[in-house]
Amino acid sequence: MSSQPAILATAMEDRRRGPRADVDEPAYISSGGSSTRCRLVNVSAEGAAIEVPDPAFIPGRFQLMTENDRVVRNCRIVWTKQNRIGVVFE
């Protein structure tokens, strides 16, 4: 088994501009008139990590809306690991 994924994950963390706050909040991914329920795992001013049912069905760019406060953010996927995606806010 390669150690490369661990190196990539560390490199991603090192590129973060600000600290991320751990959260556990329901949210929705919206693109092209459809939406998918997801879970916001952590968030910062620049981006977030999101758990999704199947990353293969998530477009590269989408809108993310948190369920509790209804904040809508434009997102772009920057990494995928199993059912978790990392996004940067645009």
C-alpha atoms as a PDB file:
ATOM      1  CA  MET A   1       0.000   0.000   0.000  1.00  0.00           C
ATOM      2  CA  SER A   2       1.416   3.409  -0.992  1.00  0.00           C
ATOM      3  CA  SER A   3       1.993   6.219   1.469  1.00  0.00           C
ATOM      4  CA  GLN A   4       1.162   8.793  -1.191  1.00  0.00           C
ATOM      5  CA  PRO A   5      -2.453   9.521  -0.035  1.00  0.00           C
ATOM      6  CA  ALA A   6      -1.176  10.454   3.433  1.00  0.00           C
ATOM      7  CA  ILE A   7       1.370  12.768   1.845  1.00  0.00           C
ATOM      8  CA  LEU A   8      -1.324  14.380  -0.312  1.00  0.00           C
ATOM      9  CA  ALA A   9      -3.630  14.844   2.676  1.00  0.00           C
ATOM     10  CA  THR A  10      -0.818  16.493   4.640  1.00  0.00           C
ATOM     11  CA  ALA A  11       0.007  18.727   1.693  1.00  0.00           C
ATOM     12  CA  MET A  12      -3.653  19.793   1.453  1.00  0.00           C
ATOM     13  CA  GLU A  13      -3.740  20.663   5.154  1.00  0.00           C
ATOM     14  CA  ASP A  14      -0.515  22.650   4.809  1.00  0.00           C
ATOM     15  CA  ARG A  15      -2.055  24.773   2.026  1.00  0.00           C
ATOM     16  CA  ARG A  16      -4.972  25.935   4.170  1.00  0.00           C
ATOM     17  CA  ARG A  17      -4.885  29.656   4.795  1.00  0.00           C
ATOM     18  CA  GLY A  18      -6.921  29.566   7.967  1.00  0.00           C
ATOM     19  CA  PRO A  19      -8.037  27.086  10.586  1.00  0.00           C
ATOM     20  CA  ARG A  20     -11.144  25.008   9.984  1.00  0.00           C
ATOM     21  CA  ALA A  21     -13.860  24.558  12.573  1.00  0.00           C
ATOM     22  CA  ASP A  22     -15.243  21.046  13.011  1.00  0.00           C
ATOM     23  CA  VAL A  23     -18.999  20.999  12.445  1.00  0.00           C
ATOM     24  CA  ASP A  24     -21.628  18.315  11.926  1.00  0.00           C
ATOM     25  CA  GLU A  25     -24.342  20.041   9.951  1.00  0.00           C
ATOM     26  CA  PRO A  26     -26.753  18.888   7.246  1.00  0.00           C
ATOM     27  CA  ALA A  27     -26.444  20.730   3.940  1.00  0.00           C
ATOM     28  CA  TYR A  28     -27.447  20.500   0.276  1.00  0.00           C
ATOM     29  CA  ILE A  29     -25.419  20.486  -2.926  1.00  0.00           C
ATOM     30  CA  SER A  30     -27.253  22.129  -5.812  1.00  0.00           C
ATOM     31  CA  SER A  31     -26.337  22.165  -9.506  1.00  0.00           C
ATOM     32  CA  GLY A  32     -28.237  22.072 -12.761  1.00  0.00           C
ATOM     33  CA  GLY A  33     -31.647  22.126 -11.091  1.00  0.00           C
ATOM     34  CA  SER A  34     -31.070  19.114  -8.845  1.00  0.00           C
ATOM     35  CA  SER A  35     -29.943  18.853  -5.244  1.00  0.00           C
ATOM     36  CA  THR A  36     -28.251  16.231  -3.079  1.00  0.00           C
ATOM     37  CA  ARG A  37     -28.273  16.068   0.684  1.00  0.00           C
ATOM     38  CA  CYS A  38     -24.819  16.011   2.284  1.00  0.00           C
ATOM     39  CA  ARG A  39     -23.097  16.707   5.612  1.00  0.00           C
ATOM     40  CA  LEU A  40     -20.751  19.607   6.315  1.00  0.00           C
ATOM     41  CA  VAL A  41     -17.809  18.169   8.289  1.00  0.00           C
ATOM     42  CA  ASN A  42     -15.572  21.207   8.726  1.00  0.00           C
ATOM     43  CA  VAL A  43     -15.496  24.759   7.433  1.00  0.00           C
ATOM     44  CA  SER A  44     -13.256  27.823   7.216  1.00  0.00           C
ATOM     45  CA  ALA A  45     -13.564  31.171   5.492  1.00  0.00           C
ATOM     46  CA  GLU A  46     -11.906  29.658   2.386  1.00  0.00           C
ATOM     47  CA  GLY A  47     -13.445  26.188   2.092  1.00  0.00           C
ATOM     48  CA  ALA A  48     -14.905  23.070   3.649  1.00  0.00           C
ATOM     49  CA  ALA A  49     -14.940  19.291   3.816  1.00  0.00           C
ATOM     50  CA  ILE A  50     -18.234  17.635   2.952  1.00  0.00           C
ATOM     51  CA  GLU A  51     -19.450  14.030   3.204  1.00  0.00           C
ATOM     52  CA  VAL A  52     -21.525  12.978   0.192  1.00  0.00           C
ATOM     53  CA  PRO A  53     -23.376   9.754  -0.731  1.00  0.00           C
ATOM     54  CA  ASP A  54     -21.265   9.231  -3.897  1.00  0.00           C
ATOM     55  CA  PRO A  55     -18.634  11.743  -5.069  1.00  0.00           C
ATOM     56  CA  ALA A  56     -18.899  10.412  -8.642  1.00  0.00           C
ATOM     57  CA  PHE A  57     -22.253  12.205  -8.968  1.00  0.00           C
ATOM     58  CA  ILE A  58     -21.060  15.575  -7.632  1.00  0.00           C
ATOM     59  CA  PRO A  59     -20.094  18.117 -10.328  1.00  0.00           C
ATOM     60  CA  GLY A  60     -16.786  19.987 -10.132  1.00  0.00           C
ATOM     61  CA  ARG A  61     -18.602  23.231  -9.325  1.00  0.00           C
ATOM     62  CA  PHE A  62     -21.831  23.597  -7.370  1.00  0.00           C
ATOM     63  CA  GLN A  63     -23.695  25.617  -4.762  1.00  0.00           C
ATOM     64  CA  LEU A  64     -23.659  24.484  -1.140  1.00  0.00           C
ATOM     65  CA  MET A  65     -26.482  25.515   1.195  1.00  0.00           C
ATOM     66  CA  THR A  66     -26.346  24.803   4.903  1.00  0.00           C
ATOM     67  CA  GLU A  67     -29.656  23.599   6.320  1.00  0.00           C
ATOM     68  CA  ASN A  68     -29.564  25.505   9.608  1.00  0.00           C
ATOM     69  CA  ASP A  69     -28.728  29.043   8.455  1.00  0.00           C
ATOM     70  CA  ARG A  70     -29.491  28.720   4.706  1.00  0.00           C
ATOM     71  CA  VAL A  71     -26.156  30.295   3.700  1.00  0.00           C
ATOM     72  CA  VAL A  72     -25.411  29.570   0.022  1.00  0.00           C
ATOM     73  CA  ARG A  73     -21.801  29.345  -1.172  1.00  0.00           C
ATOM     74  CA  ASN A  74     -20.370  28.712  -4.647  1.00  0.00           C
ATOM     75  CA  CYS A  75     -17.899  25.808  -4.422  1.00  0.00           C
ATOM     76  CA  ARG A  76     -15.239  24.078  -6.489  1.00  0.00           C
ATOM     77  CA  ILE A  77     -13.957  20.591  -5.624  1.00  0.00           C
ATOM     78  CA  VAL A  78     -10.224  20.498  -4.891  1.00  0.00           C
ATOM     79  CA  TRP A  79      -9.872  16.940  -3.531  1.00  0.00           C
ATOM     80  CA  THR A  80     -11.847  13.727  -3.047  1.00  0.00           C
ATOM     81  CA  LYS A  81     -11.168  10.919  -0.571  1.00  0.00           C
ATOM     82  CA  GLN A  82     -13.725   8.105  -0.368  1.00  0.00           C
ATOM     83  CA  ASN A  83     -17.097   9.787   0.430  1.00  0.00           C
ATOM     84  CA  ARG A  84     -15.540  13.071   1.505  1.00  0.00           C
ATOM     85  CA  ILE A  85     -14.802  16.006  -0.782  1.00  0.00           C
ATOM     86  CA  GLY A  86     -12.850  19.157  -0.111  1.00  0.00           C
ATOM     87  CA  VAL A  87     -14.054  22.393  -1.638  1.00  0.00           C
ATOM     88  CA  VAL A  88     -12.827  25.921  -1.965  1.00  0.00           C
ATOM     89  CA  PHE A  89     -15.372  28.746  -1.845  1.00  0.00           C
ATOM     90  CA  GLU A  90     -15.389  30.876  -4.987  1.00  0.00           C
END
